[in-house]
Amino acid sequence: MLTLQVGINIIHTNFDLALLLAIPFLGLYLYLYSKIKNRLSKIKTIGDIEFTRTGIRKRIGDSMTEYDFQTIKQIELEKHIPAANLGSTKSGYFSFILKIVFANSSSESLIISDRPSDTRQNLSILDTMNTLKKIIQPEVKIL
């Protein structure tokens, strides 16, 4: 915000100086944006998670685990990495941390992408969590 205010003041006093200063800032922005986008494109999917009416199915590699909602005390969803651009996800975040707290007080945390594995569907994890709030017994928190 301070940079924007200084830029507006410079534009009012000297437009040529403002243009001269804007070029390096624009270059730095484009460089950082391309670097972030490149790193995000290198992230590989190692598994998937599926929410059903009765529980959660988690597949990582060849291992598959199912959790029944009766054994789950709480599900928390926390924002993790912001998206490089707002058009890439519905929520504005590239990934979230999903924490499952079980009735025996143990917990498991997973980093999950906001994009569904099925490209035909346009659901975000936030949509899924809001739906789960309505249909399951364990507490669902979105942080």
Protein backbone atom coordinates (compact mmCIF):
# COMPACT_ATOMS: atom_id res chain seq x y z
CA MET A 1 0.00 0.00 0.00
CA LEU A 2 2.87 2.34 0.78
CA THR A 3 4.43 1.63 -2.63
CA LEU A 4 1.12 2.42 -4.30
CA GLN A 5 0.79 5.72 -2.42
CA VAL A 6 4.36 6.75 -3.27
CA GLY A 7 3.70 5.81 -6.91
CA ILE A 8 0.56 7.96 -7.04
CA ASN A 9 2.45 10.92 -5.54
CA ILE A 10 5.26 10.51 -8.08
CA ILE A 11 2.76 10.33 -10.97
CA HIS A 12 1.23 13.64 -9.86
CA THR A 13 4.63 15.33 -9.69
CA ASN A 14 6.56 13.75 -12.57
CA PHE A 15 5.01 11.24 -14.98
CA ASP A 16 8.35 10.39 -16.67
CA LEU A 17 9.94 9.47 -13.35
CA ALA A 18 6.90 7.33 -12.45
CA LEU A 19 7.16 5.46 -15.75
CA LEU A 20 10.89 4.94 -15.23
CA LEU A 21 10.29 3.51 -11.74
CA ALA A 22 7.33 1.34 -12.85
CA ILE A 23 9.39 -0.65 -15.35
CA PRO A 24 11.70 -2.32 -12.75
CA PHE A 25 8.75 -3.03 -10.44
CA LEU A 26 6.80 -4.61 -13.28
CA GLY A 27 9.84 -6.66 -14.28
CA LEU A 28 10.34 -7.87 -10.69
CA TYR A 29 6.65 -8.78 -10.43
CA LEU A 30 6.70 -10.76 -13.68
CA TYR A 31 9.92 -12.55 -12.65
CA LEU A 32 8.52 -13.57 -9.24
CA TYR A 33 5.17 -14.57 -10.75
CA SER A 34 6.83 -16.84 -13.34
CA LYS A 35 9.08 -18.36 -10.67
CA ILE A 36 6.12 -19.18 -8.40
CA LYS A 37 4.07 -20.55 -11.29
CA ASN A 38 7.00 -22.73 -12.38
CA ARG A 39 7.43 -24.17 -8.88
CA LEU A 40 3.71 -24.89 -8.53
CA SER A 41 3.68 -26.72 -11.86
CA LYS A 42 6.46 -29.05 -10.62
CA ILE A 43 4.37 -30.32 -7.68
CA LYS A 44 3.35 -33.94 -8.26
CA THR A 45 0.21 -35.69 -7.04
CA ILE A 46 1.04 -38.72 -4.88
CA GLY A 47 -2.48 -39.70 -3.89
CA ASP A 48 -6.07 -38.66 -3.53
CA ILE A 49 -8.73 -38.30 -0.88
CA GLU A 50 -12.42 -39.04 -1.30
CA PHE A 51 -15.23 -37.99 1.01
CA THR A 52 -18.28 -40.23 1.11
CA ARG A 53 -21.44 -40.22 3.24
CA THR A 54 -19.95 -42.79 5.61
CA GLY A 55 -16.27 -41.87 5.77
CA ILE A 56 -13.04 -40.77 4.15
CA ARG A 57 -10.95 -42.82 1.71
CA LYS A 58 -7.29 -41.87 1.45
CA ARG A 59 -5.01 -43.34 -1.21
CA ILE A 60 -1.29 -42.58 -1.17
CA GLY A 61 0.67 -44.58 -3.71
CA ASP A 62 -0.44 -48.21 -3.40
CA SER A 63 -1.71 -47.80 0.17
CA MET A 64 -5.41 -47.21 0.78
CA THR A 65 -6.90 -46.26 4.16
CA GLU A 66 -10.54 -45.73 5.05
CA TYR A 67 -11.79 -43.80 8.07
CA ASP A 68 -15.39 -44.09 9.24
CA PHE A 69 -16.95 -40.82 10.44
CA GLN A 70 -17.87 -42.56 13.74
CA THR A 71 -14.13 -42.75 14.59
CA ILE A 72 -13.53 -39.07 13.71
CA LYS A 73 -14.02 -36.35 16.31
CA GLN A 74 -13.18 -33.29 14.20
CA ILE A 75 -12.03 -32.25 10.72
CA GLU A 76 -10.11 -28.97 10.29
CA LEU A 77 -9.24 -27.23 7.02
CA GLU A 78 -6.59 -24.51 7.08
CA LYS A 79 -5.35 -22.32 4.21
CA HIS A 80 -1.81 -23.20 3.12
CA ILE A 81 -0.32 -21.81 -0.14
CA PRO A 82 -2.07 -18.95 -1.99
CA ALA A 83 -2.74 -19.50 -5.69
CA ALA A 84 -0.43 -17.81 -8.19
CA ASN A 85 -3.45 -16.20 -9.84
CA LEU A 86 -7.07 -15.98 -8.76
CA GLY A 87 -8.39 -17.70 -11.87
CA SER A 88 -6.63 -20.99 -11.13
CA THR A 89 -8.80 -21.95 -8.12
CA LYS A 90 -12.22 -21.03 -6.78
CA SER A 91 -10.97 -20.38 -3.26
CA GLY A 92 -7.85 -18.35 -4.09
CA TYR A 93 -5.59 -20.93 -2.45
CA PHE A 94 -3.49 -23.59 -4.18
CA SER A 95 -3.42 -25.95 -1.21
CA PHE A 96 -4.90 -26.52 2.22
CA ILE A 97 -3.89 -28.46 5.34
CA LEU A 98 -6.54 -31.03 6.24
CA LYS A 99 -6.30 -32.20 9.84
CA ILE A 100 -8.34 -35.20 10.97
CA VAL A 101 -8.68 -35.55 14.75
CA PHE A 102 -9.83 -39.00 15.82
CA ALA A 103 -11.96 -39.93 18.84
CA ASN A 104 -8.89 -41.46 20.56
CA SER A 105 -7.19 -37.99 20.40
CA SER A 106 -4.68 -38.99 17.70
CA SER A 107 -4.59 -36.88 14.56
CA GLU A 108 -3.38 -36.91 10.98
CA SER A 109 -2.53 -33.91 8.81
CA LEU A 110 -2.47 -33.89 5.01
CA ILE A 111 -1.62 -31.19 2.51
CA ILE A 112 -4.22 -31.29 -0.22
CA SER A 113 -4.71 -29.37 -3.44
CA ASP A 114 -7.79 -27.25 -4.02
CA ARG A 115 -8.17 -28.73 -7.50
CA PRO A 116 -10.23 -31.90 -7.92
CA SER A 117 -8.57 -34.87 -9.61
CA ASP A 118 -11.51 -35.12 -12.01
CA THR A 119 -11.13 -32.20 -14.42
CA ARG A 120 -14.81 -32.30 -15.37
CA GLN A 121 -15.88 -31.20 -11.89
CA ASN A 122 -15.29 -27.70 -10.62
CA LEU A 123 -15.51 -28.35 -6.87
CA SER A 124 -13.17 -26.81 -4.38
CA ILE A 125 -12.25 -28.37 -1.05
CA LEU A 126 -14.14 -25.53 0.63
CA ASP A 127 -17.34 -26.58 -1.17
CA THR A 128 -16.76 -30.15 -0.01
CA MET A 129 -16.18 -29.10 3.61
CA ASN A 130 -19.30 -26.91 3.65
CA THR A 131 -21.33 -29.86 2.35
CA LEU A 132 -19.77 -32.17 4.97
CA LYS A 133 -20.78 -29.72 7.72
CA LYS A 134 -24.40 -30.37 6.81
CA ILE A 135 -24.36 -34.17 6.52
CA ILE A 136 -21.88 -35.63 9.03
CA GLN A 137 -21.71 -35.82 12.81
CA PRO A 138 -18.02 -34.85 13.43
CA GLU A 139 -17.32 -31.14 13.80
CA VAL A 140 -15.95 -29.51 10.63
CA LYS A 141 -13.85 -26.33 11.11
CA ILE A 142 -12.62 -24.09 8.31
CA LEU A 143 -9.77 -21.85 9.48
